[in-house]
Amino acid sequence: RSLVFQTSNELGLDTLVVVSMDTGKARNLAVGTHPQWSRDGKRILFARRQLNDFGLYTIAADGSQKDQGLKPFVRGQIGRWSPDEKQLAVVAPEIVNGQDRWKLSVMPVETLQPRFGLTLPE
């Protein structure tokens, strides 16, 4: 019954906004990018840049959780849950032989230890 999207706020920061499809009321949820709903609709997975690195975070979709003080649970710029939310696919920047590359990793949500990884060529 709600839509989440990424936009820029008045300071130019990427911000996640949740809009109720029933009322049309919008509220800022968090500073971040690449949102994805959890299967039950209670959480949103998103990325945020901290200093010179990206991390993945989750936040309560209903606005009950504050944006400040959130801790990343894994390094990455884009994250996607599997349909059953037991696995997580993560895309993160990586430097290989002095060249910028993207690394795709798939990991169980319980351990966050990659069981598959692929560095994409140029």
PDB file of N, CA and C in Angstrom:
ATOM      1  N   ARG A   1       0.803  -1.200   0.000  1.00  0.00           N
ATOM      2  CA  ARG A   1       0.000   0.000   0.000  1.00  0.00           C
ATOM      3  C   ARG A   1       0.842   1.260   0.000  1.00  0.00           C
ATOM      4  N   SER A   2       2.185   1.097  -0.122  1.00  0.00           N
ATOM      5  CA  SER A   2       3.082   2.247  -0.161  1.00  0.00           C
ATOM      6  C   SER A   2       4.122   2.062  -1.253  1.00  0.00           C
ATOM      7  N   LEU A   3       4.702   3.181  -1.645  1.00  0.00           N
ATOM      8  CA  LEU A   3       5.735   3.211  -2.662  1.00  0.00           C
ATOM      9  C   LEU A   3       6.980   3.841  -2.050  1.00  0.00           C
ATOM     10  N   VAL A   4       8.147   3.253  -2.297  1.00  0.00           N
ATOM     11  CA  VAL A   4       9.402   3.859  -1.859  1.00  0.00           C
ATOM     12  C   VAL A   4      10.198   4.223  -3.106  1.00  0.00           C
ATOM     13  N   PHE A   5      10.817   5.404  -3.072  1.00  0.00           N
ATOM     14  CA  PHE A   5      11.647   5.823  -4.192  1.00  0.00           C
ATOM     15  C   PHE A   5      12.782   6.702  -3.694  1.00  0.00           C
ATOM     16  N   GLN A   6      13.751   6.893  -4.555  1.00  0.00           N
ATOM     17  CA  GLN A   6      14.934   7.694  -4.263  1.00  0.00           C
ATOM     18  C   GLN A   6      14.802   9.034  -4.970  1.00  0.00           C
ATOM     19  N   THR A   7      15.104  10.109  -4.269  1.00  0.00           N
ATOM     20  CA  THR A   7      15.089  11.448  -4.838  1.00  0.00           C
ATOM     21  C   THR A   7      16.212  12.243  -4.185  1.00  0.00           C
ATOM     22  N   SER A   8      16.326  13.515  -4.509  1.00  0.00           N
ATOM     23  CA  SER A   8      17.314  14.382  -3.863  1.00  0.00           C
ATOM     24  C   SER A   8      16.586  15.361  -2.956  1.00  0.00           C
ATOM     25  N   ASN A   9      17.150  15.582  -1.759  1.00  0.00           N
ATOM     26  CA  ASN A   9      16.535  16.550  -0.847  1.00  0.00           C
ATOM     27  C   ASN A   9      17.070  17.951  -1.138  1.00  0.00           C
ATOM     28  N   GLU A  10      16.673  18.916  -0.323  1.00  0.00           N
ATOM     29  CA  GLU A  10      17.062  20.305  -0.547  1.00  0.00           C
ATOM     30  C   GLU A  10      18.573  20.537  -0.441  1.00  0.00           C
ATOM     31  N   LEU A  11      19.295  19.620   0.200  1.00  0.00           N
ATOM     32  CA  LEU A  11      20.748  19.715   0.307  1.00  0.00           C
ATOM     33  C   LEU A  11      21.467  18.957  -0.816  1.00  0.00           C
ATOM     34  N   GLY A  12      20.692  18.313  -1.691  1.00  0.00           N
ATOM     35  CA  GLY A  12      21.276  17.544  -2.780  1.00  0.00           C
ATOM     36  C   GLY A  12      21.641  16.117  -2.397  1.00  0.00           C
ATOM     37  N   LEU A  13      21.229  15.674  -1.199  1.00  0.00           N
ATOM     38  CA  LEU A  13      21.531  14.315  -0.753  1.00  0.00           C
ATOM     39  C   LEU A  13      20.487  13.343  -1.292  1.00  0.00           C
ATOM     40  N   ASP A  14      20.937  12.151  -1.709  1.00  0.00           N
ATOM     41  CA  ASP A  14      19.993  11.104  -2.109  1.00  0.00           C
ATOM     42  C   ASP A  14      19.175  10.712  -0.894  1.00  0.00           C
ATOM     43  N   THR A  15      17.862  10.721  -1.046  1.00  0.00           N
ATOM     44  CA  THR A  15      16.947  10.477   0.070  1.00  0.00           C
ATOM     45  C   THR A  15      15.881   9.477  -0.343  1.00  0.00           C
ATOM     46  N   LEU A  16      15.511   8.596   0.577  1.00  0.00           N
ATOM     47  CA  LEU A  16      14.425   7.650   0.341  1.00  0.00           C
ATOM     48  C   LEU A  16      13.131   8.252   0.872  1.00  0.00           C
ATOM     49  N   VAL A  17      12.100   8.203   0.048  1.00  0.00           N
ATOM     50  CA  VAL A  17      10.799   8.748   0.397  1.00  0.00           C
ATOM     51  C   VAL A  17       9.776   7.623   0.281  1.00  0.00           C
ATOM     52  N   VAL A  18       8.890   7.542   1.261  1.00  0.00           N
ATOM     53  CA  VAL A  18       7.799   6.569   1.235  1.00  0.00           C
ATOM     54  C   VAL A  18       6.489   7.344   1.069  1.00  0.00           C
ATOM     55  N   VAL A  19       5.683   6.911   0.103  1.00  0.00           N
ATOM     56  CA  VAL A  19       4.393   7.551  -0.163  1.00  0.00           C
ATOM     57  C   VAL A  19       3.295   6.531   0.051  1.00  0.00           C
ATOM     58  N   SER A  20       2.296   6.889   0.845  1.00  0.00           N
ATOM     59  CA  SER A  20       1.118   6.043   1.029  1.00  0.00           C
ATOM     60  C   SER A  20       0.261   6.118  -0.221  1.00  0.00           C
ATOM     61  N   MET A  21      -0.097   4.974  -0.775  1.00  0.00           N
ATOM     62  CA  MET A  21      -0.941   4.942  -1.962  1.00  0.00           C
ATOM     63  C   MET A  21      -2.397   5.255  -1.605  1.00  0.00           C
ATOM     64  N   ASP A  22      -2.744   5.130  -0.333  1.00  0.00           N
ATOM     65  CA  ASP A  22      -4.103   5.433   0.112  1.00  0.00           C
ATOM     66  C   ASP A  22      -4.317   6.930   0.286  1.00  0.00           C
ATOM     67  N   THR A  23      -3.360   7.588   0.944  1.00  0.00           N
ATOM     68  CA  THR A  23      -3.531   9.010   1.280  1.00  0.00           C
ATOM     69  C   THR A  23      -2.713   9.952   0.404  1.00  0.00           C
ATOM     70  N   GLY A  24      -1.681   9.426  -0.249  1.00  0.00           N
ATOM     71  CA  GLY A  24      -0.785  10.275  -1.034  1.00  0.00           C
ATOM     72  C   GLY A  24       0.222  11.016  -0.175  1.00  0.00           C
ATOM     73  N   LYS A  25       0.182  10.786   1.126  1.00  0.00           N
ATOM     74  CA  LYS A  25       1.100  11.463   2.039  1.00  0.00           C
ATOM     75  C   LYS A  25       2.505  10.883   1.884  1.00  0.00           C
ATOM     76  N   ALA A  26       3.505  11.780   1.768  1.00  0.00           N
ATOM     77  CA  ALA A  26       4.898  11.367   1.600  1.00  0.00           C
ATOM     78  C   ALA A  26       5.686  11.721   2.849  1.00  0.00           C
ATOM     79  N   ARG A  27       6.680  10.873   3.161  1.00  0.00           N
ATOM     80  CA  ARG A  27       7.586  11.188   4.277  1.00  0.00           C
ATOM     81  C   ARG A  27       8.981  10.722   3.930  1.00  0.00           C
ATOM     82  N   ASN A  28       9.956  11.529   4.335  1.00  0.00           N
ATOM     83  CA  ASN A  28      11.349  11.150   4.158  1.00  0.00           C
ATOM     84  C   ASN A  28      11.664  10.035   5.135  1.00  0.00           C
ATOM     85  N   LEU A  29      12.322   8.999   4.643  1.00  0.00           N
ATOM     86  CA  LEU A  29      12.635   7.846   5.482  1.00  0.00           C
ATOM     87  C   LEU A  29      14.099   7.830   5.896  1.00  0.00           C
ATOM     88  N   ALA A  30      15.004   8.025   4.935  1.00  0.00           N
ATOM     89  CA  ALA A  30      16.435   7.927   5.237  1.00  0.00           C
ATOM     90  C   ALA A  30      17.233   8.550   4.107  1.00  0.00           C
ATOM     91  N   VAL A  31      18.471   8.907   4.402  1.00  0.00           N
ATOM     92  CA  VAL A  31      19.420   9.284   3.364  1.00  0.00           C
ATOM     93  C   VAL A  31      19.950   7.979   2.790  1.00  0.00           C
ATOM     94  N   GLY A  32      19.824   7.779   1.467  1.00  0.00           N
ATOM     95  CA  GLY A  32      20.281   6.533   0.876  1.00  0.00           C
ATOM     96  C   GLY A  32      19.849   6.388  -0.570  1.00  0.00           C
ATOM     97  N   THR A  33      20.222   5.234  -1.142  1.00  0.00           N
ATOM     98  CA  THR A  33      19.940   4.943  -2.545  1.00  0.00           C
ATOM     99  C   THR A  33      19.500   3.484  -2.703  1.00  0.00           C
ATOM    100  N   HIS A  34      18.981   3.160  -3.865  1.00  0.00           N
ATOM    101  CA  HIS A  34      18.655   1.789  -4.281  1.00  0.00           C
ATOM    102  C   HIS A  34      17.772   1.041  -3.271  1.00  0.00           C
ATOM    103  N   PRO A  35      16.583   1.563  -2.961  1.00  0.00           N
ATOM    104  CA  PRO A  35      15.726   0.890  -1.974  1.00  0.00           C
ATOM    105  C   PRO A  35      15.092  -0.391  -2.510  1.00  0.00           C
ATOM    106  N   GLN A  36      14.855  -1.336  -1.592  1.00  0.00           N
ATOM    107  CA  GLN A  36      14.102  -2.552  -1.908  1.00  0.00           C
ATOM    108  C   GLN A  36      13.284  -2.943  -0.683  1.00  0.00           C
ATOM    109  N   TRP A  37      12.003  -3.230  -0.898  1.00  0.00           N
ATOM    110  CA  TRP A  37      11.117  -3.677   0.174  1.00  0.00           C
ATOM    111  C   TRP A  37      11.470  -5.084   0.612  1.00  0.00           C
ATOM    112  N   SER A  38      11.289  -5.363   1.893  1.00  0.00           N
ATOM    113  CA  SER A  38      11.326  -6.747   2.359  1.00  0.00           C
ATOM    114  C   SER A  38      10.035  -7.410   1.908  1.00  0.00           C
ATOM    115  N   ARG A  39      10.040  -8.712   1.929  1.00  0.00           N
ATOM    116  CA  ARG A  39       8.872  -9.470   1.468  1.00  0.00           C
ATOM    117  C   ARG A  39       7.616  -9.146   2.279  1.00  0.00           C
ATOM    118  N   ASP A  40       7.790  -8.964   3.590  1.00  0.00           N
ATOM    119  CA  ASP A  40       6.636  -8.671   4.440  1.00  0.00           C
ATOM    120  C   ASP A  40       6.270  -7.190   4.471  1.00  0.00           C
ATOM    121  N   GLY A  41       7.056  -6.347   3.794  1.00  0.00           N
ATOM    122  CA  GLY A  41       6.761  -4.924   3.715  1.00  0.00           C
ATOM    123  C   GLY A  41       7.111  -4.133   4.963  1.00  0.00           C
ATOM    124  N   LYS A  42       7.816  -4.748   5.899  1.00  0.00           N
ATOM    125  CA  LYS A  42       8.125  -4.067   7.153  1.00  0.00           C
ATOM    126  C   LYS A  42       9.486  -3.367   7.155  1.00  0.00           C
ATOM    127  N   ARG A  43      10.379  -3.769   6.243  1.00  0.00           N
ATOM    128  CA  ARG A  43      11.729  -3.190   6.209  1.00  0.00           C
ATOM    129  C   ARG A  43      12.079  -2.779   4.791  1.00  0.00           C
ATOM    130  N   ILE A  44      13.030  -1.862   4.712  1.00  0.00           N
ATOM    131  CA  ILE A  44      13.556  -1.458   3.417  1.00  0.00           C
ATOM    132  C   ILE A  44      15.075  -1.608   3.466  1.00  0.00           C
ATOM    133  N   LEU A  45      15.596  -2.307   2.479  1.00  0.00           N
ATOM    134  CA  LEU A  45      17.035  -2.468   2.284  1.00  0.00           C
ATOM    135  C   LEU A  45      17.498  -1.314   1.397  1.00  0.00           C
ATOM    136  N   PHE A  46      18.610  -0.672   1.750  1.00  0.00           N
ATOM    137  CA  PHE A  46      19.108   0.425   0.941  1.00  0.00           C
ATOM    138  C   PHE A  46      20.615   0.586   1.128  1.00  0.00           C
ATOM    139  N   ALA A  47      21.215   1.392   0.261  1.00  0.00           N
ATOM    140  CA  ALA A  47      22.653   1.669   0.334  1.00  0.00           C
ATOM    141  C   ALA A  47      22.864   3.110   0.765  1.00  0.00           C
ATOM    142  N   ARG A  48      24.017   3.333   1.375  1.00  0.00           N
ATOM    143  CA  ARG A  48      24.392   4.684   1.789  1.00  0.00           C
ATOM    144  C   ARG A  48      25.902   4.809   1.721  1.00  0.00           C
ATOM    145  N   ARG A  49      26.345   5.962   1.292  1.00  0.00           N
ATOM    146  CA  ARG A  49      27.778   6.227   1.258  1.00  0.00           C
ATOM    147  C   ARG A  49      28.198   6.852   2.584  1.00  0.00           C
ATOM    148  N   GLN A  50      29.208   6.249   3.206  1.00  0.00           N
ATOM    149  CA  GLN A  50      29.795   6.765   4.434  1.00  0.00           C
ATOM    150  C   GLN A  50      31.272   6.965   4.173  1.00  0.00           C
ATOM    151  N   LEU A  51      31.748   8.178   4.335  1.00  0.00           N
ATOM    152  CA  LEU A  51      33.124   8.525   4.003  1.00  0.00           C
ATOM    153  C   LEU A  51      33.388   8.131   2.560  1.00  0.00           C
ATOM    154  N   ASN A  52      34.295   7.202   2.292  1.00  0.00           N
ATOM    155  CA  ASN A  52      34.599   6.824   0.916  1.00  0.00           C
ATOM    156  C   ASN A  52      34.169   5.406   0.589  1.00  0.00           C
ATOM    157  N   ASP A  53      33.166   4.895   1.276  1.00  0.00           N
ATOM    158  CA  ASP A  53      32.724   3.533   1.030  1.00  0.00           C
ATOM    159  C   ASP A  53      31.205   3.460   1.115  1.00  0.00           C
ATOM    160  N   PHE A  54      30.636   2.431   0.514  1.00  0.00           N
ATOM    161  CA  PHE A  54      29.198   2.214   0.552  1.00  0.00           C
ATOM    162  C   PHE A  54      28.876   1.049   1.468  1.00  0.00           C
ATOM    163  N   GLY A  55      27.770   1.146   2.169  1.00  0.00           N
ATOM    164  CA  GLY A  55      27.298   0.061   3.008  1.00  0.00           C
ATOM    165  C   GLY A  55      25.815  -0.163   2.779  1.00  0.00           C
ATOM    166  N   LEU A  56      25.351  -1.378   3.098  1.00  0.00           N
ATOM    167  CA  LEU A  56      23.931  -1.702   3.005  1.00  0.00           C
ATOM    168  C   LEU A  56      23.324  -1.658   4.398  1.00  0.00           C
ATOM    169  N   TYR A  57      22.109  -1.151   4.456  1.00  0.00           N
ATOM    170  CA  TYR A  57      21.386  -0.935   5.706  1.00  0.00           C
ATOM    171  C   TYR A  57      19.961  -1.436   5.549  1.00  0.00           C
ATOM    172  N   THR A  58      19.290  -1.631   6.655  1.00  0.00           N
ATOM    173  CA  THR A  58      17.840  -1.820   6.646  1.00  0.00           C
ATOM    174  C   THR A  58      17.243  -0.829   7.630  1.00  0.00           C
ATOM    175  N   ILE A  59      16.006  -0.429   7.342  1.00  0.00           N
ATOM    176  CA  ILE A  59      15.294   0.490   8.213  1.00  0.00           C
ATOM    177  C   ILE A  59      13.817   0.090   8.214  1.00  0.00           C
ATOM    178  N   ALA A  60      13.140   0.336   9.314  1.00  0.00           N
ATOM    179  CA  ALA A  60      11.709   0.047   9.411  1.00  0.00           C
ATOM    180  C   ALA A  60      10.949   0.920   8.419  1.00  0.00           C
ATOM    181  N   ALA A  61      10.105   0.321   7.618  1.00  0.00           N
ATOM    182  CA  ALA A  61       9.381   1.044   6.567  1.00  0.00           C
ATOM    183  C   ALA A  61       8.329   1.985   7.117  1.00  0.00           C
ATOM    184  N   ASP A  62       7.861   1.742   8.333  1.00  0.00           N
ATOM    185  CA  ASP A  62       6.791   2.569   8.889  1.00  0.00           C
ATOM    186  C   ASP A  62       7.276   3.883   9.499  1.00  0.00           C
ATOM    187  N   GLY A  63       8.582   4.137   9.447  1.00  0.00           N
ATOM    188  CA  GLY A  63       9.130   5.378   9.972  1.00  0.00           C
ATOM    189  C   GLY A  63       9.411   5.363  11.458  1.00  0.00           C
ATOM    190  N   SER A  64       9.218   4.214  12.105  1.00  0.00           N
ATOM    191  CA  SER A  64       9.417   4.121  13.552  1.00  0.00           C
ATOM    192  C   SER A  64      10.888   4.089  13.949  1.00  0.00           C
ATOM    193  N   GLN A  65      11.768   3.830  13.007  1.00  0.00           N
ATOM    194  CA  GLN A  65      13.202   3.747  13.271  1.00  0.00           C
ATOM    195  C   GLN A  65      13.871   5.012  12.750  1.00  0.00           C
ATOM    196  N   LYS A  66      14.780   5.569  13.522  1.00  0.00           N
ATOM    197  CA  LYS A  66      15.465   6.793  13.128  1.00  0.00           C
ATOM    198  C   LYS A  66      16.612   6.490  12.163  1.00  0.00           C
ATOM    199  N   ASP A  67      16.824   7.402  11.239  1.00  0.00           N
ATOM    200  CA  ASP A  67      17.890   7.313  10.243  1.00  0.00           C
ATOM    201  C   ASP A  67      19.268   7.444  10.897  1.00  0.00           C
ATOM    202  N   GLN A  68      19.386   8.329  11.871  1.00  0.00           N
ATOM    203  CA  GLN A  68      20.657   8.548  12.538  1.00  0.00           C
ATOM    204  C   GLN A  68      21.041   7.334  13.368  1.00  0.00           C
ATOM    205  N   GLY A  69      22.317   6.994  13.335  1.00  0.00           N
ATOM    206  CA  GLY A  69      22.806   5.891  14.147  1.00  0.00           C
ATOM    207  C   GLY A  69      22.689   4.521  13.523  1.00  0.00           C
ATOM    208  N   LEU A  70      22.145   4.423  12.321  1.00  0.00           N
ATOM    209  CA  LEU A  70      22.072   3.116  11.659  1.00  0.00           C
ATOM    210  C   LEU A  70      23.477   2.630  11.343  1.00  0.00           C
ATOM    211  N   LYS A  71      23.687   1.352  11.455  1.00  0.00           N
ATOM    212  CA  LYS A  71      24.985   0.741  11.162  1.00  0.00           C
ATOM    213  C   LYS A  71      24.853  -0.141   9.921  1.00  0.00           C
ATOM    214  N   PRO A  72      25.837  -0.072   9.008  1.00  0.00           N
ATOM    215  CA  PRO A  72      25.781  -0.962   7.843  1.00  0.00           C
ATOM    216  C   PRO A  72      26.011  -2.403   8.282  1.00  0.00           C
ATOM    217  N   PHE A  73      25.346  -3.331   7.621  1.00  0.00           N
ATOM    218  CA  PHE A  73      25.555  -4.735   7.972  1.00  0.00           C
ATOM    219  C   PHE A  73      26.464  -5.445   6.981  1.00  0.00           C
ATOM    220  N   VAL A  74      26.698  -4.837   5.818  1.00  0.00           N
ATOM    221  CA  VAL A  74      27.632  -5.399   4.843  1.00  0.00           C
ATOM    222  C   VAL A  74      28.046  -4.277   3.888  1.00  0.00           C
ATOM    223  N   ARG A  75      29.241  -4.383   3.350  1.00  0.00           N
ATOM    224  CA  ARG A  75      29.740  -3.412   2.380  1.00  0.00           C
ATOM    225  C   ARG A  75      29.058  -3.670   1.040  1.00  0.00           C
ATOM    226  N   GLY A  76      28.583  -2.602   0.377  1.00  0.00           N
ATOM    227  CA  GLY A  76      27.970  -2.751  -0.934  1.00  0.00           C
ATOM    228  C   GLY A  76      27.257  -1.498  -1.369  1.00  0.00           C
ATOM    229  N   GLN A  77      27.092  -1.363  -2.687  1.00  0.00           N
ATOM    230  CA  GLN A  77      26.416  -0.196  -3.238  1.00  0.00           C
ATOM    231  C   GLN A  77      24.997  -0.518  -3.694  1.00  0.00           C
ATOM    232  N   ILE A  78      24.755  -1.770  -4.048  1.00  0.00           N
ATOM    233  CA  ILE A  78      23.411  -2.217  -4.409  1.00  0.00           C
ATOM    234  C   ILE A  78      23.204  -3.570  -3.748  1.00  0.00           C
ATOM    235  N   GLY A  79      22.058  -3.771  -3.129  1.00  0.00           N
ATOM    236  CA  GLY A  79      21.737  -5.049  -2.514  1.00  0.00           C
ATOM    237  C   GLY A  79      20.342  -5.492  -2.902  1.00  0.00           C
ATOM    238  N   ARG A  80      20.176  -6.784  -3.082  1.00  0.00           N
ATOM    239  CA  ARG A  80      18.855  -7.344  -3.395  1.00  0.00           C
ATOM    240  C   ARG A  80      18.688  -8.654  -2.650  1.00  0.00           C
ATOM    241  N   TRP A  81      17.560  -8.765  -1.943  1.00  0.00           N
ATOM    242  CA  TRP A  81      17.216 -10.014  -1.273  1.00  0.00           C
ATOM    243  C   TRP A  81      16.708 -11.019  -2.293  1.00  0.00           C
ATOM    244  N   SER A  82      16.944 -12.304  -2.016  1.00  0.00           N
ATOM    245  CA  SER A  82      16.307 -13.357  -2.805  1.00  0.00           C
ATOM    246  C   SER A  82      14.819 -13.338  -2.462  1.00  0.00           C
ATOM    247  N   PRO A  83      13.971 -13.984  -3.271  1.00  0.00           N
ATOM    248  CA  PRO A  83      12.533 -13.972  -2.987  1.00  0.00           C
ATOM    249  C   PRO A  83      12.169 -14.457  -1.585  1.00  0.00           C
ATOM    250  N   ASP A  84      12.943 -15.415  -1.028  1.00  0.00           N
ATOM    251  CA  ASP A  84      12.649 -15.898   0.326  1.00  0.00           C
ATOM    252  C   ASP A  84      13.444 -15.141   1.400  1.00  0.00           C
ATOM    253  N   GLU A  85      14.234 -14.162   0.979  1.00  0.00           N
ATOM    254  CA  GLU A  85      15.066 -13.324   1.850  1.00  0.00           C
ATOM    255  C   GLU A  85      16.105 -14.097   2.651  1.00  0.00           C
ATOM    256  N   LYS A  86      16.450 -15.285   2.201  1.00  0.00           N
ATOM    257  CA  LYS A  86      17.489 -16.056   2.883  1.00  0.00           C
ATOM    258  C   LYS A  86      18.869 -15.783   2.301  1.00  0.00           C
ATOM    259  N   GLN A  87      18.908 -15.158   1.123  1.00  0.00           N
ATOM    260  CA  GLN A  87      20.177 -14.835   0.487  1.00  0.00           C
ATOM    261  C   GLN A  87      20.158 -13.366   0.089  1.00  0.00           C
ATOM    262  N   LEU A  88      21.355 -12.832  -0.069  1.00  0.00           N
ATOM    263  CA  LEU A  88      21.505 -11.441  -0.445  1.00  0.00           C
ATOM    264  C   LEU A  88      22.521 -11.350  -1.580  1.00  0.00           C
ATOM    265  N   ALA A  89      22.158 -10.674  -2.646  1.00  0.00           N
ATOM    266  CA  ALA A  89      23.099 -10.376  -3.727  1.00  0.00           C
ATOM    267  C   ALA A  89      23.586  -8.953  -3.507  1.00  0.00           C
ATOM    268  N   VAL A  90      24.896  -8.767  -3.556  1.00  0.00           N
ATOM    269  CA  VAL A  90      25.509  -7.476  -3.264  1.00  0.00           C
ATOM    270  C   VAL A  90      26.449  -7.084  -4.387  1.00  0.00           C
ATOM    271  N   VAL A  91      26.335  -5.854  -4.842  1.00  0.00           N
ATOM    272  CA  VAL A  91      27.262  -5.288  -5.818  1.00  0.00           C
ATOM    273  C   VAL A  91      28.076  -4.230  -5.087  1.00  0.00           C
ATOM    274  N   ALA A  92      29.410  -4.357  -5.166  1.00  0.00           N
ATOM    275  CA  ALA A  92      30.303  -3.425  -4.481  1.00  0.00           C
ATOM    276  C   ALA A  92      31.451  -3.041  -5.403  1.00  0.00           C
ATOM    277  N   PRO A  93      31.899  -1.790  -5.319  1.00  0.00           N
ATOM    278  CA  PRO A  93      33.065  -1.410  -6.104  1.00  0.00           C
ATOM    279  C   PRO A  93      34.315  -2.084  -5.563  1.00  0.00           C
ATOM    280  N   GLU A  94      35.243  -2.383  -6.463  1.00  0.00           N
ATOM    281  CA  GLU A  94      36.484  -3.052  -6.081  1.00  0.00           C
ATOM    282  C   GLU A  94      37.591  -2.570  -7.019  1.00  0.00           C
ATOM    283  N   ILE A  95      38.793  -2.466  -6.509  1.00  0.00           N
ATOM    284  CA  ILE A  95      39.928  -2.100  -7.350  1.00  0.00           C
ATOM    285  C   ILE A  95      40.744  -3.360  -7.615  1.00  0.00           C
ATOM    286  N   VAL A  96      40.953  -3.663  -8.896  1.00  0.00           N
ATOM    287  CA  VAL A  96      41.718  -4.839  -9.319  1.00  0.00           C
ATOM    288  C   VAL A  96      42.824  -4.351 -10.249  1.00  0.00           C
ATOM    289  N   ASN A  97      44.060  -4.599  -9.848  1.00  0.00           N
ATOM    290  CA  ASN A  97      45.217  -4.163 -10.641  1.00  0.00           C
ATOM    291  C   ASN A  97      45.139  -2.671 -10.985  1.00  0.00           C
ATOM    292  N   GLY A  98      44.716  -1.868 -10.009  1.00  0.00           N
ATOM    293  CA  GLY A  98      44.639  -0.423 -10.205  1.00  0.00           C
ATOM    294  C   GLY A  98      43.448   0.048 -11.011  1.00  0.00           C
ATOM    295  N   GLN A  99      42.544  -0.862 -11.367  1.00  0.00           N
ATOM    296  CA  GLN A  99      41.375  -0.531 -12.173  1.00  0.00           C
ATOM    297  C   GLN A  99      40.093  -0.675 -11.344  1.00  0.00           C
ATOM    298  N   ASP A 100      39.158   0.260 -11.540  1.00  0.00           N
ATOM    299  CA  ASP A 100      37.852   0.160 -10.875  1.00  0.00           C
ATOM    300  C   ASP A 100      37.034  -0.949 -11.521  1.00  0.00           C
ATOM    301  N   ARG A 101      36.489  -1.815 -10.702  1.00  0.00           N
ATOM    302  CA  ARG A 101      35.638  -2.914 -11.164  1.00  0.00           C
ATOM    303  C   ARG A 101      34.445  -3.035 -10.220  1.00  0.00           C
ATOM    304  N   TRP A 102      33.495  -3.852 -10.613  1.00  0.00           N
ATOM    305  CA  TRP A 102      32.346  -4.181  -9.771  1.00  0.00           C
ATOM    306  C   TRP A 102      32.439  -5.639  -9.380  1.00  0.00           C
ATOM    307  N   LYS A 103      32.164  -5.931  -8.127  1.00  0.00           N
ATOM    308  CA  LYS A 103      32.146  -7.311  -7.654  1.00  0.00           C
ATOM    309  C   LYS A 103      30.727  -7.659  -7.223  1.00  0.00           C
ATOM    310  N   LEU A 104      30.254  -8.770  -7.723  1.00  0.00           N
ATOM    311  CA  LEU A 104      28.946  -9.299  -7.355  1.00  0.00           C
ATOM    312  C   LEU A 104      29.169 -10.468  -6.410  1.00  0.00           C
ATOM    313  N   SER A 105      28.544 -10.425  -5.257  1.00  0.00           N
ATOM    314  CA  SER A 105      28.641 -11.513  -4.274  1.00  0.00           C
ATOM    315  C   SER A 105      27.250 -11.963  -3.883  1.00  0.00           C
ATOM    316  N   VAL A 106      27.106 -13.250  -3.640  1.00  0.00           N
ATOM    317  CA  VAL A 106      25.859 -13.815  -3.128  1.00  0.00           C
ATOM    318  C   VAL A 106      26.181 -14.464  -1.795  1.00  0.00           C
ATOM    319  N   MET A 107      25.377 -14.145  -0.779  1.00  0.00           N
ATOM    320  CA  MET A 107      25.673 -14.630   0.568  1.00  0.00           C
ATOM    321  C   MET A 107      24.399 -14.946   1.331  1.00  0.00           C
ATOM    322  N   PRO A 108      24.477 -15.938   2.236  1.00  0.00           N
ATOM    323  CA  PRO A 108      23.335 -16.189   3.120  1.00  0.00           C
ATOM    324  C   PRO A 108      23.164 -14.998   4.062  1.00  0.00           C
ATOM    325  N   VAL A 109      21.939 -14.611   4.312  1.00  0.00           N
ATOM    326  CA  VAL A 109      21.656 -13.490   5.201  1.00  0.00           C
ATOM    327  C   VAL A 109      22.112 -13.799   6.625  1.00  0.00           C
ATOM    328  N   GLU A 110      22.048 -15.061   7.031  1.00  0.00           N
ATOM    329  CA  GLU A 110      22.424 -15.445   8.398  1.00  0.00           C
ATOM    330  C   GLU A 110      23.892 -15.197   8.706  1.00  0.00           C
ATOM    331  N   THR A 111      24.783 -15.441   7.721  1.00  0.00           N
ATOM    332  CA  THR A 111      26.219 -15.332   7.992  1.00  0.00           C
ATOM    333  C   THR A 111      26.879 -14.145   7.301  1.00  0.00           C
ATOM    334  N   LEU A 112      26.301 -13.682   6.205  1.00  0.00           N
ATOM    335  CA  LEU A 112      26.875 -12.625   5.374  1.00  0.00           C
ATOM    336  C   LEU A 112      28.290 -12.954   4.901  1.00  0.00           C
ATOM    337  N   GLN A 113      28.567 -14.243   4.790  1.00  0.00           N
ATOM    338  CA  GLN A 113      29.840 -14.724   4.244  1.00  0.00           C
ATOM    339  C   GLN A 113      29.599 -15.143   2.797  1.00  0.00           C
ATOM    340  N   PRO A 114      30.257 -14.458   1.838  1.00  0.00           N
ATOM    341  CA  PRO A 114      30.004 -14.773   0.426  1.00  0.00           C
ATOM    342  C   PRO A 114      30.243 -16.247   0.112  1.00  0.00           C
ATOM    343  N   ARG A 115      29.277 -16.841  -0.573  1.00  0.00           N
ATOM    344  CA  ARG A 115      29.447 -18.225  -1.025  1.00  0.00           C
ATOM    345  C   ARG A 115      29.679 -18.252  -2.531  1.00  0.00           C
ATOM    346  N   PHE A 116      29.518 -17.072  -3.155  1.00  0.00           N
ATOM    347  CA  PHE A 116      29.775 -16.928  -4.589  1.00  0.00           C
ATOM    348  C   PHE A 116      30.223 -15.496  -4.821  1.00  0.00           C
ATOM    349  N   GLY A 117      31.242 -15.313  -5.659  1.00  0.00           N
ATOM    350  CA  GLY A 117      31.697 -13.976  -5.993  1.00  0.00           C
ATOM    351  C   GLY A 117      32.177 -13.923  -7.426  1.00  0.00           C
ATOM    352  N   LEU A 118      31.936 -12.809  -8.054  1.00  0.00           N
ATOM    353  CA  LEU A 118      32.331 -12.625  -9.442  1.00  0.00           C
ATOM    354  C   LEU A 118      32.742 -11.170  -9.630  1.00  0.00           C
ATOM    355  N   THR A 119      33.977 -10.953 -10.077  1.00  0.00           N
ATOM    356  CA  THR A 119      34.412  -9.595 -10.411  1.00  0.00           C
ATOM    357  C   THR A 119      34.153  -9.384 -11.890  1.00  0.00           C
ATOM    358  N   LEU A 120      33.389  -8.363 -12.199  1.00  0.00           N
ATOM    359  CA  LEU A 120      32.997  -8.114 -13.578  1.00  0.00           C
ATOM    360  C   LEU A 120      34.126  -7.465 -14.357  1.00  0.00           C
ATOM    361  N   PRO A 121      34.346  -7.890 -15.600  1.00  0.00           N
ATOM    362  CA  PRO A 121      35.395  -7.283 -16.427  1.00  0.00           C
ATOM    363  C   PRO A 121      34.989  -5.867 -16.836  1.00  0.00           C
ATOM    364  N   GLU A 122      35.911  -5.160 -17.441  1.00  0.00           N
ATOM    365  CA  GLU A 122      35.678  -3.774 -17.849  1.00  0.00           C
ATOM    366  C   GLU A 122      34.458  -3.621 -18.717  1.00  0.00           C
TER     367      GLU A 122
END
